[in-house]
Amino acid sequence: MAAARSSDGSGPLRRAVRAMGRALRAPFTGTARGIRKATHAHGAGESGLGKLIELHAVNGAGDVMITVALASTVFFSVPTDEARGRVALYLAVTMAPFTLLAPVVGPLLDRLPHGRRAAMAGAMFARAVLAITMSGAVATGGLELYPAALGVLVCSKAYGVVRSAVVPRLLPPRFSLVKANSRVTLAGLLATGIAAPIGAGLQSIGSPWPLYGACTVFLGGTVLAFTLPHKVDSAKGERKARLAVPHEEAPRPAVTGGRSKDGRSGSTRAGGRKGREKPPGLRSVGPSVLHGLQANAAHRALSGFLIFFLAFLLREHPLAGQSAAVSLGIVGVAAGTGNACGTAVGSWLRARGPEVIVASVLGLALGVAALTAVFFSTVMVAALAAVAGFTQALSKLSLDAMIQRDVPEEVRTSAFARSETLLQMSWVAGGAIGIALPLNGVLGMSVAAALLALGATASVRGLLGASRRGSPHPRVA
C-alpha cells in the first residue's frame, strides 16, 4: 500500500507541496490571465492589437525605471543649483543632439517598412544594453552617463514613431483608430504607474538596481516584439508622406486624358508639363491635420516646459505645507490622472468632431494656465498639471482620428511617423525653455499660457473653419 502511494505520487506530503505550489502560483497566473483577457478583448487578440498593447506596457515600465535611476542621479542627489547645472548639461548633451536627430527618425523608419517588428525589437534591445552601460556610471554621475541617456532617448522615440505607424495595421473590425490608440496609451500609463514604485524600491537597494530592472524588462520586450503578426511588416500599397508640400508641387486636377500602363488616368501639370506623381503631403488632404498638428505641438511644448520648470520650482519652493518630494508627487499624480482621464474620454468619444475637440481642449488648457498665472497657488498648480495631462491626451487622440479620416491609407503610416517626430521636437523645445527660465511661479505660468496662446492663434480658427466645411476626404468608417 505504501509503495502504491509512493509510485503514483499521491502521498500526503507531495499533495501538500503541490497544493502550496498552486496557491503560490494562483495570484500570478490569475493576474496574467486577467491582463490577457483585457488586452485581447473585442477582437484585439485576433487582430494582433492585444500583443501591441502588451508591448507598449512593457515599454512604459522599462522607460520609467530608467527615469527613476536618472532622476536620482541628475536631480535629487545634489543641491538645487548643482542640479540645474546637471539638468542643463543633460539637455545640452541629450536633447540638443536629439533635436537634430529627430527629423531623421521618421524618414529613416520610412525606409524600413518590411522591418517594423525588428525596429521595435532593436529599440528594446538597445535600451537594455544602454541600461547596463549606465549602471556603472549612475552612482557617480560621470559624463559617460549622458551619451547613453541620449541613446535611450532616441531609441524610445524611435519605438514611439514605429508604434504609431503600426497601429493602423492591427485594427480589429469596427474599431476606430482613436479607440485603438486609447487602449495602447492607457496600457502604457497603467504599466508606468505600477513600475514607478517598483523602480523606487529598487533604488533603495542601490542606484544601479532600477537599471538592472529596466534591462530585464526591455529584454522581455525584445522577445515580445517578434510575436507581433507578420502583417506589421507588410508595406503593400504604402507611399511616403511629407508634412508639407510646396504649393507648386501640390497635386493638381487632371487636364488631359489618356491612360497609364496600369489603367489610371494621366494628368498634366500647369504649362503642359507632365511629371511623375508626387507623394501626397499632409497639407494636400485639407487643413484639419495641419492645424491639429499645430495645436498638439503647443500641448507637447507645454508638457516639456512643465516637467522641467515645475521640477525645479517645487524643489526650491515647495507647495504650501509640503516637502519638495511630496509637492512633486502631487503634481505628478495630478498629471498622470489627467492623462488617464483624457485617454478614457477619448475612447468614449471615438472620432466625433475631432477638430472641435482639439480647439476646445486647447482653449481649456489656455484658460487654466492663465488663471494659474493670475492666482498662483498650490491648488492651481495641481489643477494645471491635471488639465495639461487631460488635454494633451485628448488632443492627441483627436489628431489620430483626423489622420485616419483625411490621410489616404497608402501614406497613413508614414504620416504617423512624421507627425510623431514633429511632436517630440516640440517637447524638446518646451523643455529647453523650462530649464532656462528663472524660478518664478507667476512668470513660469505666464510663459505656459503664452505657449498655448501661440498654438491657439495658429490653429483654432483653422480647426473651427475646417469643422464647418467638413472633411474633403472622409475615409473613416
Protein backbone atom coordinates (compact mmCIF):
# COMPACT_ATOMS: atom_id res chain seq x y z
CA MET A 1 0.00 0.00 0.00
CA ALA A 2 2.79 2.42 0.92
CA ALA A 3 4.60 1.51 -2.29
CA ALA A 4 1.50 2.31 -4.31
CA ARG A 5 1.19 5.72 -2.69
CA SER A 6 4.83 6.43 -3.42
CA SER A 7 4.64 5.33 -7.07
CA ASP A 8 1.59 7.38 -8.02
CA GLY A 9 2.82 10.47 -6.15
CA SER A 10 -0.32 10.71 -4.05
CA GLY A 11 1.37 10.76 -0.68
CA PRO A 12 0.20 13.41 1.80
CA LEU A 13 3.47 15.32 1.66
CA ARG A 14 3.52 15.53 -2.13
CA ARG A 15 -0.13 16.54 -2.26
CA ALA A 16 0.59 19.30 0.26
CA VAL A 17 3.60 20.53 -1.77
CA ARG A 18 1.54 20.60 -5.00
CA ALA A 19 -1.30 22.43 -3.26
CA MET A 20 1.12 25.00 -1.86
CA GLY A 21 2.66 25.46 -5.32
CA ARG A 22 -0.77 26.03 -6.86
CA ALA A 23 -1.62 28.52 -4.13
CA LEU A 24 1.61 30.44 -4.70
CA ARG A 25 1.14 30.47 -8.48
CA ALA A 26 -2.52 31.40 -8.41
CA PRO A 27 -2.10 35.19 -7.89
CA PHE A 28 0.39 35.43 -10.74
CA THR A 29 -1.39 33.15 -13.21
CA GLY A 30 -4.73 34.73 -12.36
CA THR A 31 -3.32 38.21 -12.89
CA ALA A 32 -1.71 37.17 -16.19
CA ARG A 33 -5.00 35.67 -17.41
CA GLY A 34 -6.86 38.82 -16.40
CA ILE A 35 -4.39 41.06 -18.24
CA ARG A 36 -4.53 38.88 -21.34
CA LYS A 37 -8.35 38.90 -21.28
CA ALA A 38 -8.41 42.71 -21.04
CA THR A 39 -5.81 43.37 -23.73
CA HIS A 40 -7.31 40.85 -26.17
CA ALA A 41 -10.96 41.90 -25.78
CA HIS A 42 -13.24 42.96 -28.66
CA GLY A 43 -11.18 41.31 -31.38
CA ALA A 44 -7.83 42.79 -30.31
CA GLY A 45 -6.42 39.33 -29.75
CA GLU A 46 -7.30 38.08 -33.24
CA SER A 47 -6.01 41.22 -34.98
CA GLY A 48 -2.73 41.38 -33.04
CA LEU A 49 -3.55 44.68 -31.34
CA GLY A 50 -3.53 42.93 -27.97
CA LYS A 51 0.14 42.00 -28.37
CA LEU A 52 0.98 45.60 -29.27
CA ILE A 53 -0.87 46.79 -26.15
CA GLU A 54 1.22 44.42 -24.02
CA LEU A 55 4.42 45.51 -25.77
CA HIS A 56 3.64 49.16 -25.10
CA ALA A 57 3.03 48.37 -21.43
CA VAL A 58 6.48 46.75 -21.27
CA ASN A 59 7.95 49.82 -22.98
CA GLY A 60 6.37 52.16 -20.41
CA ALA A 61 7.60 50.05 -17.49
CA GLY A 62 11.19 50.00 -18.75
CA ASP A 63 11.26 53.71 -19.52
CA VAL A 64 10.01 54.72 -16.08
CA MET A 65 12.67 52.59 -14.35
CA ILE A 66 15.37 54.38 -16.32
CA THR A 67 13.72 57.70 -15.44
CA VAL A 68 13.83 56.81 -11.72
CA ALA A 69 17.55 55.99 -11.95
CA LEU A 70 18.41 59.17 -13.86
CA ALA A 71 16.29 61.41 -11.63
CA SER A 72 18.02 60.13 -8.52
CA THR A 73 21.44 60.88 -10.03
CA VAL A 74 20.87 64.04 -12.06
CA PHE A 75 18.23 65.73 -9.90
CA PHE A 76 17.63 64.51 -6.35
CA SER A 77 21.13 63.64 -5.17
CA VAL A 78 22.63 67.14 -5.37
CA PRO A 79 21.71 70.70 -4.23
CA THR A 80 19.29 72.66 -6.39
CA ASP A 81 21.87 74.92 -8.03
CA GLU A 82 24.07 71.98 -8.95
CA ALA A 83 21.01 70.01 -10.09
CA ARG A 84 20.08 72.81 -12.50
CA GLY A 85 23.59 72.63 -13.91
CA ARG A 86 23.39 68.87 -14.29
CA VAL A 87 19.99 69.01 -15.96
CA ALA A 88 21.23 71.79 -18.24
CA LEU A 89 24.14 69.54 -19.15
CA TYR A 90 21.69 66.68 -19.68
CA LEU A 91 19.69 68.89 -22.05
CA ALA A 92 22.80 70.01 -23.92
CA VAL A 93 24.23 66.51 -24.33
CA THR A 94 20.99 64.60 -24.96
CA MET A 95 18.18 66.93 -26.02
CA ALA A 96 20.16 69.16 -28.38
CA PRO A 97 21.53 66.26 -30.44
CA PHE A 98 18.08 64.67 -30.32
CA THR A 99 16.60 67.83 -31.83
CA LEU A 100 18.94 67.31 -34.76
CA LEU A 101 18.30 63.58 -34.97
CA ALA A 102 14.51 63.73 -34.62
CA PRO A 103 13.83 64.96 -38.17
CA VAL A 104 15.84 61.98 -39.44
CA VAL A 105 13.93 59.37 -37.42
CA GLY A 106 10.73 59.46 -39.47
CA PRO A 107 12.37 59.31 -42.92
CA LEU A 108 14.78 56.61 -41.75
CA LEU A 109 11.94 54.44 -40.46
CA ASP A 110 10.07 55.00 -43.74
CA ARG A 111 12.90 53.04 -45.34
CA LEU A 112 12.19 50.04 -43.07
CA PRO A 113 8.57 49.18 -43.99
CA HIS A 114 9.38 45.45 -44.01
CA GLY A 115 11.25 45.56 -40.69
CA ARG A 116 8.92 47.23 -38.20
CA ARG A 117 8.98 44.31 -35.77
CA ALA A 118 12.76 44.22 -35.97
CA ALA A 119 12.89 48.01 -35.48
CA MET A 120 10.80 47.82 -32.29
CA ALA A 121 12.79 44.83 -31.04
CA GLY A 122 16.03 46.67 -31.83
CA ALA A 123 14.85 49.73 -29.89
CA MET A 124 14.08 47.49 -26.91
CA PHE A 125 17.37 45.59 -27.05
CA ALA A 126 19.44 48.75 -27.48
CA ARG A 127 17.86 50.23 -24.34
CA ALA A 128 18.59 47.01 -22.44
CA VAL A 129 22.28 47.30 -23.37
CA LEU A 130 22.36 51.03 -22.60
CA ALA A 131 20.73 50.44 -19.21
CA ILE A 132 23.56 48.10 -18.25
CA THR A 133 26.05 50.63 -19.60
CA MET A 134 24.57 53.39 -17.43
CA SER A 135 24.51 51.21 -14.32
CA GLY A 136 28.24 51.70 -13.86
CA ALA A 137 28.06 55.50 -14.13
CA VAL A 138 24.76 56.28 -12.43
CA ALA A 139 26.25 56.38 -8.94
CA THR A 140 28.94 58.91 -9.86
CA GLY A 141 27.01 60.94 -12.43
CA GLY A 142 30.02 60.85 -14.76
CA LEU A 143 29.91 62.34 -18.24
CA GLU A 144 29.68 58.89 -19.80
CA LEU A 145 26.13 58.73 -18.43
CA TYR A 146 24.86 61.39 -20.85
CA PRO A 147 25.68 59.80 -24.23
CA ALA A 148 24.00 56.62 -23.00
CA ALA A 149 20.98 58.66 -21.92
CA LEU A 150 20.85 60.21 -25.39
CA GLY A 151 20.83 56.72 -26.89
CA VAL A 152 17.96 55.69 -24.61
CA LEU A 153 16.00 58.79 -25.59
CA VAL A 154 16.48 58.25 -29.33
CA CYS A 155 15.55 54.57 -29.06
CA SER A 156 12.46 55.42 -27.02
CA LYS A 157 11.26 57.98 -29.54
CA ALA A 158 12.05 55.66 -32.45
CA TYR A 159 9.92 52.98 -30.83
CA GLY A 160 7.10 55.52 -30.41
CA VAL A 161 7.23 56.51 -34.07
CA VAL A 162 7.13 52.89 -35.26
CA ARG A 163 4.36 52.02 -32.81
CA SER A 164 2.21 54.89 -34.13
CA ALA A 165 2.78 53.65 -37.67
CA VAL A 166 1.92 50.04 -36.76
CA VAL A 167 -1.43 50.65 -35.03
CA PRO A 168 -3.45 51.16 -38.26
CA ARG A 169 -2.43 47.72 -39.50
CA LEU A 170 -3.70 45.98 -36.35
CA LEU A 171 -7.19 47.48 -36.09
CA PRO A 172 -9.89 44.90 -35.27
CA PRO A 173 -13.14 45.05 -37.28
CA ARG A 174 -15.34 48.07 -36.42
CA PHE A 175 -12.52 49.50 -34.30
CA SER A 176 -11.65 53.17 -34.77
CA LEU A 177 -8.05 54.29 -34.64
CA VAL A 178 -8.75 56.67 -31.77
CA LYS A 179 -10.13 53.80 -29.69
CA ALA A 180 -7.13 51.60 -30.51
CA ASN A 181 -4.67 54.31 -29.55
CA SER A 182 -6.64 54.92 -26.36
CA ARG A 183 -6.15 51.31 -25.32
CA VAL A 184 -2.45 51.32 -26.17
CA THR A 185 -1.84 54.60 -24.34
CA LEU A 186 -3.83 53.55 -21.28
CA ALA A 187 -1.83 50.32 -21.03
CA GLY A 188 1.38 52.33 -21.04
CA LEU A 189 0.07 54.64 -18.32
CA LEU A 190 -1.02 51.75 -16.10
CA ALA A 191 2.32 49.99 -16.54
CA THR A 192 4.14 53.22 -15.69
CA GLY A 193 2.08 53.61 -12.51
CA ILE A 194 2.89 50.05 -11.46
CA ALA A 195 6.59 50.14 -12.38
CA ALA A 196 7.38 53.53 -10.78
CA PRO A 197 7.12 52.34 -7.15
CA ILE A 198 8.97 49.15 -8.10
CA GLY A 199 11.76 51.28 -9.52
CA ALA A 200 11.78 53.40 -6.36
CA GLY A 201 12.06 50.22 -4.29
CA LEU A 202 14.98 49.02 -6.38
CA GLN A 203 16.58 52.44 -5.98
CA SER A 204 16.52 51.97 -2.20
CA ILE A 205 18.65 48.84 -2.65
CA GLY A 206 21.22 50.64 -4.78
CA SER A 207 21.40 53.20 -7.57
CA PRO A 208 22.17 50.65 -10.34
CA TRP A 209 19.25 48.38 -9.47
CA PRO A 210 16.48 50.26 -11.35
CA LEU A 211 18.69 49.97 -14.43
CA TYR A 212 19.07 46.23 -13.90
CA GLY A 213 15.28 46.05 -13.70
CA ALA A 214 14.93 48.13 -16.88
CA CYS A 215 17.37 45.84 -18.69
CA THR A 216 15.29 42.79 -17.75
CA VAL A 217 12.06 44.47 -18.85
CA PHE A 218 13.48 45.56 -22.21
CA LEU A 219 14.89 42.10 -22.92
CA GLY A 220 11.37 40.76 -22.43
CA GLY A 221 10.08 43.45 -24.78
CA THR A 222 12.64 42.40 -27.40
CA VAL A 223 11.18 38.91 -27.48
CA LEU A 224 7.60 40.19 -27.36
CA ALA A 225 8.13 42.46 -30.39
CA PHE A 226 8.77 39.45 -32.62
CA THR A 227 5.44 37.88 -31.58
CA LEU A 228 3.52 40.64 -33.38
CA PRO A 229 1.69 39.46 -36.53
CA HIS A 230 3.64 39.34 -39.79
CA LYS A 231 1.28 41.92 -41.34
CA VAL A 232 3.05 44.55 -39.21
CA ASP A 233 5.95 44.24 -41.65
CA SER A 234 3.78 44.48 -44.74
CA ALA A 235 4.17 47.66 -46.80
CA LYS A 236 1.72 46.74 -49.55
CA GLY A 237 0.32 49.87 -51.19
CA GLU A 238 2.20 52.31 -48.97
CA ARG A 239 3.89 55.52 -50.04
CA LYS A 240 5.74 58.17 -48.06
CA ALA A 241 4.04 61.31 -46.78
CA ARG A 242 5.58 64.71 -46.21
CA LEU A 243 4.46 67.16 -43.56
CA ALA A 244 4.41 69.99 -46.07
CA VAL A 245 4.24 70.08 -49.84
CA PRO A 246 5.40 73.24 -51.63
CA HIS A 247 2.48 74.98 -53.28
CA GLU A 248 3.77 74.42 -56.76
CA GLU A 249 4.17 70.69 -56.09
CA ALA A 250 0.72 70.12 -54.65
CA PRO A 251 -1.37 67.61 -56.62
CA ARG A 252 -3.49 69.26 -59.31
CA PRO A 253 -6.58 68.06 -61.17
CA ALA A 254 -6.06 66.17 -64.39
CA VAL A 255 -6.44 68.34 -67.50
CA THR A 256 -5.65 65.76 -70.16
CA GLY A 257 -6.98 62.35 -70.91
CA GLY A 258 -5.03 59.23 -71.58
CA ARG A 259 -4.28 56.18 -69.53
CA SER A 260 -1.13 54.97 -67.90
CA LYS A 261 0.07 51.41 -68.16
CA ASP A 262 -1.85 50.46 -65.03
CA GLY A 263 -5.08 51.89 -66.40
CA ARG A 264 -5.25 55.05 -64.32
CA SER A 265 -5.95 58.44 -65.84
CA GLY A 266 -2.90 60.56 -66.60
CA SER A 267 -2.52 64.18 -65.56
CA THR A 268 -0.69 67.18 -66.91
CA ARG A 269 0.68 69.95 -64.73
CA ALA A 270 0.27 73.66 -65.48
CA GLY A 271 2.16 74.75 -68.57
CA GLY A 272 1.75 71.34 -70.22
CA ARG A 273 4.49 69.75 -68.12
CA LYS A 274 3.98 66.09 -67.41
CA GLY A 275 5.80 64.76 -64.39
CA ARG A 276 5.86 61.76 -62.17
CA GLU A 277 3.34 61.65 -59.36
CA LYS A 278 4.45 63.29 -56.12
CA PRO A 279 3.74 61.57 -52.80
CA PRO A 280 0.86 63.42 -51.15
CA GLY A 281 1.69 65.55 -48.15
CA LEU A 282 -0.47 66.27 -45.13
CA ARG A 283 -1.24 69.76 -46.43
CA SER A 284 -2.79 68.28 -49.57
CA VAL A 285 -5.53 66.44 -47.66
CA GLY A 286 -7.10 69.52 -46.06
CA PRO A 287 -6.32 71.90 -43.21
CA SER A 288 -7.57 69.76 -40.32
CA VAL A 289 -4.46 67.61 -39.91
CA LEU A 290 -2.08 70.54 -40.31
CA HIS A 291 -3.89 72.69 -37.74
CA GLY A 292 -4.31 69.67 -35.47
CA LEU A 293 -0.54 69.21 -35.54
CA GLN A 294 -0.03 72.87 -34.62
CA ALA A 295 -2.37 72.54 -31.64
CA ASN A 296 -0.75 69.30 -30.49
CA ALA A 297 2.70 70.86 -30.82
CA ALA A 298 1.56 73.53 -28.34
CA HIS A 299 0.39 70.83 -25.91
CA ARG A 300 3.69 68.94 -26.21
CA ALA A 301 5.70 72.12 -25.70
CA LEU A 302 3.63 72.81 -22.56
CA SER A 303 4.30 69.28 -21.32
CA GLY A 304 8.07 69.59 -21.74
CA PHE A 305 8.04 73.04 -20.16
CA LEU A 306 6.04 72.00 -17.09
CA ILE A 307 8.14 68.89 -16.45
CA PHE A 308 11.40 70.81 -16.21
CA PHE A 309 10.16 74.10 -14.80
CA LEU A 310 7.96 72.65 -12.05
CA ALA A 311 10.60 70.09 -11.08
CA PHE A 312 12.99 72.88 -10.08
CA LEU A 313 10.37 75.35 -8.91
CA LEU A 314 8.80 72.87 -6.48
CA ARG A 315 12.17 71.73 -5.22
CA GLU A 316 13.15 75.32 -4.41
CA HIS A 317 9.66 76.49 -3.40
CA PRO A 318 7.50 73.50 -2.36
CA LEU A 319 3.73 73.70 -2.29
CA ALA A 320 2.33 75.22 0.90
CA GLY A 321 2.93 72.96 3.90
CA GLN A 322 4.53 70.17 1.85
CA SER A 323 8.05 68.90 1.28
CA ALA A 324 9.67 69.06 -2.14
CA ALA A 325 9.19 65.32 -2.72
CA VAL A 326 5.52 65.45 -1.74
CA SER A 327 4.98 68.54 -3.90
CA LEU A 328 6.46 66.81 -6.93
CA GLY A 329 4.40 63.73 -6.14
CA ILE A 330 1.16 65.74 -6.02
CA VAL A 331 1.84 67.36 -9.38
CA GLY A 332 2.94 64.07 -10.94
CA VAL A 333 -0.13 62.20 -9.74
CA ALA A 334 -2.39 65.03 -10.95
CA ALA A 335 -0.79 64.97 -14.41
CA GLY A 336 -0.97 61.19 -14.64
CA THR A 337 -4.59 61.12 -13.53
CA GLY A 338 -5.50 63.80 -16.04
CA ASN A 339 -3.73 61.89 -18.81
CA ALA A 340 -5.58 58.68 -17.95
CA CYS A 341 -8.92 60.51 -17.86
CA GLY A 342 -8.22 62.13 -21.22
CA THR A 343 -7.41 58.74 -22.72
CA ALA A 344 -10.62 57.24 -21.32
CA VAL A 345 -12.74 60.13 -22.58
CA GLY A 346 -11.07 59.89 -25.99
CA SER A 347 -12.05 56.23 -26.23
CA TRP A 348 -15.64 57.10 -25.34
CA LEU A 349 -15.86 59.98 -27.81
CA ARG A 350 -14.45 57.85 -30.63
CA ALA A 351 -13.87 60.16 -33.64
CA ARG A 352 -16.75 62.60 -33.12
CA GLY A 353 -15.91 66.15 -34.16
CA PRO A 354 -12.12 65.91 -33.69
CA GLU A 355 -11.50 69.49 -34.85
CA VAL A 356 -13.91 70.89 -32.27
CA ILE A 357 -12.40 68.67 -29.57
CA VAL A 358 -8.85 69.84 -30.32
CA ALA A 359 -9.89 73.51 -30.36
CA SER A 360 -11.93 73.12 -27.16
CA VAL A 361 -9.23 71.40 -25.10
CA LEU A 362 -6.61 73.89 -26.28
CA GLY A 363 -8.88 76.71 -25.09
CA LEU A 364 -9.44 74.89 -21.78
CA ALA A 365 -5.70 74.46 -21.17
CA LEU A 366 -5.05 78.10 -22.09
CA GLY A 367 -7.75 79.33 -19.69
CA VAL A 368 -6.42 77.26 -16.76
CA ALA A 369 -2.82 78.33 -17.47
CA ALA A 370 -3.87 81.99 -17.50
CA LEU A 371 -5.79 81.57 -14.23
CA THR A 372 -2.78 79.83 -12.66
CA ALA A 373 -0.56 82.78 -13.63
CA VAL A 374 -3.01 85.24 -12.08
CA PHE A 375 -3.96 83.20 -8.98
CA PHE A 376 -0.78 81.22 -8.42
CA SER A 377 -1.34 78.69 -5.62
CA THR A 378 -0.99 75.03 -4.71
CA VAL A 379 -4.45 74.18 -5.97
CA MET A 380 -3.99 76.00 -9.27
CA VAL A 381 -0.62 74.34 -9.99
CA ALA A 382 -2.10 70.89 -9.36
CA ALA A 383 -5.13 71.83 -11.48
CA LEU A 384 -2.93 72.96 -14.36
CA ALA A 385 -0.94 69.71 -14.22
CA ALA A 386 -4.16 67.67 -14.34
CA VAL A 387 -5.69 69.75 -17.13
CA ALA A 388 -2.45 69.64 -19.14
CA GLY A 389 -2.40 65.84 -18.92
CA PHE A 390 -6.09 65.59 -19.82
CA THR A 391 -5.98 67.97 -22.78
CA GLN A 392 -2.75 66.57 -24.22
CA ALA A 393 -4.13 63.03 -24.24
CA LEU A 394 -7.49 64.00 -25.72
CA SER A 395 -5.94 66.30 -28.32
CA LYS A 396 -3.50 63.61 -29.49
CA LEU A 397 -6.28 61.04 -29.84
CA SER A 398 -8.32 63.52 -31.86
CA LEU A 399 -5.32 64.18 -34.11
CA ASP A 400 -5.07 60.42 -34.68
CA ALA A 401 -8.73 60.43 -35.74
CA MET A 402 -8.11 63.24 -38.23
CA ILE A 403 -5.13 61.42 -39.74
CA GLN A 404 -7.23 58.30 -40.08
CA ARG A 405 -10.01 60.24 -41.75
CA ASP A 406 -8.10 62.59 -44.04
CA VAL A 407 -4.83 60.84 -44.93
CA PRO A 408 -5.05 58.15 -47.64
CA GLU A 409 -4.35 54.67 -46.35
CA GLU A 410 -1.31 54.18 -48.57
CA VAL A 411 0.54 57.02 -46.81
CA ARG A 412 -1.09 56.90 -43.38
CA THR A 413 1.66 55.00 -41.55
CA SER A 414 4.27 57.40 -42.93
CA ALA A 415 2.15 60.35 -41.80
CA PHE A 416 2.07 58.99 -38.26
CA ALA A 417 5.86 58.70 -38.25
CA ARG A 418 6.36 62.28 -39.44
CA SER A 419 3.76 63.81 -37.09
CA GLU A 420 5.18 61.99 -34.06
CA THR A 421 8.65 63.30 -34.87
CA LEU A 422 7.35 66.87 -35.03
CA LEU A 423 5.59 66.50 -31.68
CA GLN A 424 8.72 65.14 -30.00
CA MET A 425 10.70 68.12 -31.24
CA SER A 426 8.06 70.42 -29.72
CA TRP A 427 8.51 68.68 -26.36
CA VAL A 428 12.25 69.24 -26.55
CA ALA A 429 11.75 72.95 -27.28
CA GLY A 430 9.37 73.33 -24.34
CA GLY A 431 11.79 71.56 -22.02
CA ALA A 432 14.63 73.84 -23.06
CA ILE A 433 12.53 76.91 -22.17
CA GLY A 434 11.63 75.36 -18.82
CA ILE A 435 15.23 74.75 -17.78
CA ALA A 436 16.38 78.23 -18.85
CA LEU A 437 13.60 80.21 -17.14
CA PRO A 438 14.12 81.83 -13.69
CA LEU A 439 12.30 80.05 -10.85
CA ASN A 440 9.38 82.45 -10.53
CA GLY A 441 5.98 80.80 -10.40
CA VAL A 442 3.95 83.65 -11.89
CA LEU A 443 6.49 84.14 -14.67
CA GLY A 444 6.55 80.42 -15.44
CA MET A 445 2.78 80.11 -15.64
CA SER A 446 2.67 83.20 -17.85
CA VAL A 447 5.13 81.54 -20.23
CA ALA A 448 3.00 78.38 -20.17
CA ALA A 449 -0.05 80.43 -21.12
CA ALA A 450 1.94 82.15 -23.87
CA LEU A 451 2.95 78.80 -25.40
CA LEU A 452 -0.69 77.75 -25.55
CA ALA A 453 -1.80 81.14 -26.84
CA LEU A 454 0.70 80.83 -29.69
CA GLY A 455 -0.71 77.42 -30.58
CA ALA A 456 -4.29 78.70 -30.36
CA THR A 457 -3.50 81.66 -32.61
CA ALA A 458 -2.03 79.35 -35.24
CA SER A 459 -4.65 76.60 -35.15
CA VAL A 460 -8.05 77.31 -33.58
CA ARG A 461 -9.53 79.44 -36.37
CA GLY A 462 -8.44 76.94 -39.00
CA LEU A 463 -9.77 74.00 -36.98
CA LEU A 464 -13.20 75.55 -36.49
CA GLY A 465 -13.36 76.57 -40.15
CA ALA A 466 -12.43 73.05 -41.25
CA SER A 467 -15.07 71.64 -38.92
CA ARG A 468 -17.77 73.80 -40.53
CA ARG A 469 -16.70 72.84 -44.05
CA GLY A 470 -16.38 69.14 -43.29
CA SER A 471 -13.63 66.75 -44.38
CA PRO A 472 -12.67 66.87 -48.06
CA HIS A 473 -11.51 63.23 -47.84
CA PRO A 474 -13.85 61.30 -45.50
CA ARG A 475 -12.26 57.89 -45.11
CA VAL A 476 -13.34 56.81 -41.65
CA ALA A 477 -15.85 54.03 -41.12
